[in-house]
């Protein structure tokens, strides 16, 4: 059975969701130490002024190393309101935002205690809306070396080549102004393409994912 290993991610990029589509089994990492400045608590969207990063603030762990599943969300800076307003501003004119906004709005009104739970609830919603049905399994312990391991390679400003991912251009609200901006958050694809999201994901897989043993 082909399997892939992924980290938790906040409104993960398109590349991440091609893995959920391509592999028979998806292992989500729960036992790694939390890493800053990654998609674990950050996503990238396309606004009127170009790429915009949205970061979920987290509480500073009591120890230097803290498992991702134990990271708590901070209420600092009214971030929920700011994130939702940023999404409305960026995608209010997109073809499908009005259709999906009632699904996403509650996530920016409800308080989640843990980052992992917040990310996972959003992932489940997005998979449902995009008609993705990955076989998700959660790791029970951390292993440093695994086959098809994208826990570290899918991250902002990462330059390592992913031979199985080639972003398929699609309509974007500010495309005429900025050109096509690849590999943004999955919500960029969902709000702009709606039910065709899964087609774009399929077209963004360069070749069939390699077969491997389970993680």
Protein backbone atom coordinates (compact mmCIF):
# COMPACT_ATOMS: atom_id res chain seq x y z
CA UNK A 1 0.00 0.00 0.00
CA UNK A 2 1.37 3.43 -0.92
CA UNK A 3 1.58 5.82 2.02
CA UNK A 4 2.69 9.39 2.62
CA UNK A 5 3.71 11.24 5.77
CA UNK A 6 2.58 14.84 6.34
CA UNK A 7 2.70 17.37 9.11
CA UNK A 8 -0.30 19.18 10.49
CA UNK A 9 -0.96 22.37 8.52
CA UNK A 10 -3.20 25.43 8.70
CA UNK A 11 -5.17 25.76 5.45
CA UNK A 12 -2.37 23.84 3.77
CA UNK A 13 -1.09 24.65 0.27
CA UNK A 14 -2.23 22.96 -2.93
CA UNK A 15 0.87 20.74 -2.96
CA UNK A 16 -0.19 19.25 0.39
CA UNK A 17 -3.65 18.38 -0.91
CA UNK A 18 -2.22 16.64 -3.98
CA UNK A 19 -0.68 14.18 -1.51
CA UNK A 20 -4.06 13.58 0.12
CA UNK A 21 -5.35 12.79 -3.36
CA UNK A 22 -2.44 10.70 -4.65
CA UNK A 23 -1.66 8.29 -1.82
CA UNK A 24 -3.74 5.42 -0.54
CA UNK A 25 -2.85 6.11 3.10
CA UNK A 26 -1.93 9.39 4.75
CA UNK A 27 -0.07 9.47 8.05
CA UNK A 28 -0.44 12.76 9.91
CA UNK A 29 2.36 13.47 12.34
CA UNK A 30 1.24 14.06 15.94
CA UNK A 31 4.46 13.30 17.81
CA UNK A 32 7.00 15.66 16.25
CA UNK A 33 8.34 18.71 18.07
CA UNK A 34 6.64 21.91 16.95
CA UNK A 35 8.56 23.96 14.39
CA UNK A 36 8.16 27.70 13.90
CA UNK A 37 7.72 29.51 10.57
CA UNK A 38 6.11 26.57 8.78
CA UNK A 39 2.68 25.75 7.38
CA UNK A 40 1.83 24.21 10.74
CA UNK A 41 0.42 27.57 11.80
CA UNK A 42 0.71 29.63 8.62
CA UNK A 43 -0.95 29.82 5.23
CA UNK A 44 -0.49 31.96 2.13
CA UNK A 45 -3.37 33.63 0.30
CA UNK A 46 -3.60 36.01 -2.66
CA UNK A 47 -4.91 39.49 -1.90
CA UNK A 48 -5.11 42.73 -3.86
CA UNK A 49 -1.48 43.48 -2.98
CA UNK A 50 -0.13 40.03 -3.74
CA UNK A 51 0.75 37.12 -1.46
CA UNK A 52 -0.33 37.55 2.15
CA UNK A 53 0.69 35.32 5.05
CA UNK A 54 -1.82 34.50 7.79
CA UNK A 55 -0.29 33.16 10.99
CA UNK A 56 -2.11 31.55 13.90
CA UNK A 57 -0.42 32.76 17.09
CA UNK A 58 0.52 30.03 19.54
CA UNK A 59 1.37 30.10 23.22
CA UNK A 60 5.03 29.73 24.08
CA UNK A 61 5.62 26.18 25.30
CA UNK A 62 6.80 25.69 28.88
CA UNK A 63 9.70 23.59 27.61
CA UNK A 64 12.07 24.09 24.69
CA UNK A 65 10.58 21.10 22.89
CA UNK A 66 6.84 20.57 22.68
CA UNK A 67 4.89 18.04 20.64
CA UNK A 68 2.72 19.49 17.88
CA UNK A 69 -0.40 17.95 19.40
CA UNK A 70 0.25 19.87 22.64
CA UNK A 71 0.68 23.33 21.10
CA UNK A 72 -2.01 25.71 22.30
CA UNK A 73 -3.48 28.55 20.27
CA UNK A 74 -3.06 32.06 21.67
CA UNK A 75 -5.83 34.66 21.68
CA UNK A 76 -3.29 37.40 21.08
CA UNK A 77 -4.18 40.20 18.69
CA UNK A 78 -7.76 39.23 17.75
CA UNK A 79 -6.27 37.01 15.07
CA UNK A 80 -9.53 35.19 14.29
CA UNK A 81 -11.21 38.43 13.27
CA UNK A 82 -8.16 39.53 11.28
CA UNK A 83 -7.87 36.22 9.44
CA UNK A 84 -11.53 36.16 8.52
CA UNK A 85 -11.46 39.75 7.30
CA UNK A 86 -8.37 38.94 5.23
CA UNK A 87 -10.17 35.99 3.62
CA UNK A 88 -13.25 38.12 2.90
CA UNK A 89 -11.09 40.88 1.41
CA UNK A 90 -9.06 38.47 -0.73
CA UNK A 91 -11.88 36.22 -1.92
CA UNK A 92 -15.12 38.13 -1.52
CA UNK A 93 -15.28 38.59 -5.28
CA UNK A 94 -14.19 35.05 -6.13
CA UNK A 95 -16.74 32.80 -7.85
CA UNK A 96 -17.32 30.44 -4.93
CA UNK A 97 -16.60 32.37 -1.74
CA UNK A 98 -20.26 33.18 -1.16
CA UNK A 99 -21.08 29.51 -1.61
CA UNK A 100 -18.55 28.32 0.98
CA UNK A 101 -18.30 31.21 3.44
CA UNK A 102 -20.86 29.81 5.87
CA UNK A 103 -18.77 26.64 6.16
CA UNK A 104 -15.61 28.53 7.11
CA UNK A 105 -16.96 31.42 9.17
CA UNK A 106 -17.60 29.32 12.31
CA UNK A 107 -13.91 28.46 12.55
CA UNK A 108 -13.17 32.14 13.12
CA UNK A 109 -15.88 32.53 15.75
CA UNK A 110 -15.28 29.36 17.76
CA UNK A 111 -12.30 29.03 20.08
CA UNK A 112 -10.08 25.98 19.59
CA UNK A 113 -7.60 25.25 22.37
CA UNK A 114 -5.07 23.26 20.35
CA UNK A 115 -3.51 24.06 16.98
CA UNK A 116 -3.57 20.44 15.84
CA UNK A 117 -7.31 20.14 16.48
CA UNK A 118 -8.00 23.41 14.66
CA UNK A 119 -5.95 22.36 11.64
CA UNK A 120 -7.52 18.93 11.54
CA UNK A 121 -11.09 20.24 11.71
CA UNK A 122 -10.37 22.58 8.79
CA UNK A 123 -8.74 19.77 6.82
CA UNK A 124 -11.79 17.57 7.29
CA UNK A 125 -14.07 20.35 6.06
CA UNK A 126 -11.92 21.07 3.01
CA UNK A 127 -11.72 17.39 2.08
CA UNK A 128 -15.51 17.18 2.30
CA UNK A 129 -16.03 20.27 0.15
CA UNK A 130 -13.42 19.17 -2.41
CA UNK A 131 -14.73 15.60 -2.53
CA UNK A 132 -11.46 14.14 -1.22
CA UNK A 133 -11.60 10.97 0.86
CA UNK A 134 -8.11 10.25 2.15
CA UNK A 135 -7.46 7.37 4.52
CA UNK A 136 -6.06 9.38 7.43
CA UNK A 137 -4.09 7.76 10.22
CA UNK A 138 -2.32 9.50 13.08
CA UNK A 139 1.21 8.63 14.16
CA UNK A 140 1.65 7.42 17.72
CA UNK A 141 5.38 8.12 17.97
CA UNK A 142 8.01 10.03 16.02
CA UNK A 143 10.26 8.35 13.48
CA UNK A 144 12.95 10.55 11.87
CA UNK A 145 13.22 8.76 8.52
CA UNK A 146 10.18 7.53 6.62
CA UNK A 147 9.34 6.82 2.96
CA UNK A 148 7.42 9.51 1.10
CA UNK A 149 8.13 11.93 3.94
CA UNK A 150 6.87 15.44 3.21
CA UNK A 151 6.77 16.65 6.82
CA UNK A 152 9.64 19.07 6.24
CA UNK A 153 9.74 19.51 2.46
CA UNK A 154 6.32 21.17 2.19
CA UNK A 155 7.01 24.51 3.82
CA UNK A 156 7.16 28.21 2.87
CA UNK A 157 10.10 29.28 0.72
CA UNK A 158 11.28 25.71 0.33
CA UNK A 159 13.31 25.11 -2.82
CA UNK A 160 13.59 21.31 -2.90
CA UNK A 161 12.05 19.86 -6.03
CA UNK A 162 8.94 17.71 -5.73
CA UNK A 163 8.97 15.52 -8.81
CA UNK A 164 5.32 14.58 -8.37
CA UNK A 165 3.95 18.13 -8.15
CA UNK A 166 3.54 20.59 -11.00
CA UNK A 167 1.09 23.41 -10.17
CA UNK A 168 -1.71 23.65 -12.71
CA UNK A 169 -2.66 27.30 -13.35
CA UNK A 170 -6.27 28.20 -12.59
CA UNK A 171 -8.36 31.35 -12.38
CA UNK A 172 -7.43 33.73 -9.55
CA UNK A 173 -9.28 36.93 -8.64
CA UNK A 174 -6.19 39.13 -8.97
CA UNK A 175 -4.55 37.09 -11.72
CA UNK A 176 -4.52 39.93 -14.23
CA UNK A 177 -2.68 42.11 -11.71
CA UNK A 178 -0.17 39.64 -10.29
CA UNK A 179 -0.13 36.76 -12.75
CA UNK A 180 -0.73 33.22 -11.57
CA UNK A 181 0.54 32.65 -8.03
CA UNK A 182 1.20 28.92 -7.56
CA UNK A 183 0.86 26.72 -4.50
CA UNK A 184 -1.12 29.04 -2.28
CA UNK A 185 -3.47 27.80 0.41
CA UNK A 186 -6.04 25.28 -0.74
CA UNK A 187 -8.75 27.87 -0.01
CA UNK A 188 -7.41 29.96 -2.89
CA UNK A 189 -8.15 27.07 -5.21
CA UNK A 190 -11.45 26.20 -3.55
CA UNK A 191 -12.88 29.74 -3.53
CA UNK A 192 -11.83 30.34 -7.13
CA UNK A 193 -12.66 26.96 -8.69
CA UNK A 194 -15.29 25.36 -6.46
CA UNK A 195 -16.25 21.87 -7.57
CA UNK A 196 -13.38 21.85 -10.09
CA UNK A 197 -10.87 21.89 -7.22
CA UNK A 198 -10.35 18.14 -7.44
CA UNK A 199 -9.74 18.38 -11.20
CA UNK A 200 -7.00 20.98 -10.69
CA UNK A 201 -5.45 18.82 -7.99
CA UNK A 202 -5.44 15.83 -10.33
CA UNK A 203 -3.85 17.92 -13.08
CA UNK A 204 -1.17 19.14 -10.66
CA UNK A 205 0.16 15.63 -10.05
CA UNK A 206 3.01 15.19 -12.48
CA UNK A 207 3.02 11.40 -12.32
CA UNK A 208 1.58 8.65 -10.18
CA UNK A 209 2.88 8.68 -6.64
CA UNK A 210 5.53 5.98 -6.10
CA UNK A 211 4.54 2.88 -4.24
CA UNK A 212 6.13 2.30 -0.86
CA UNK A 213 5.73 0.53 2.41
CA UNK A 214 3.61 2.06 5.14
CA UNK A 215 5.17 4.75 7.27
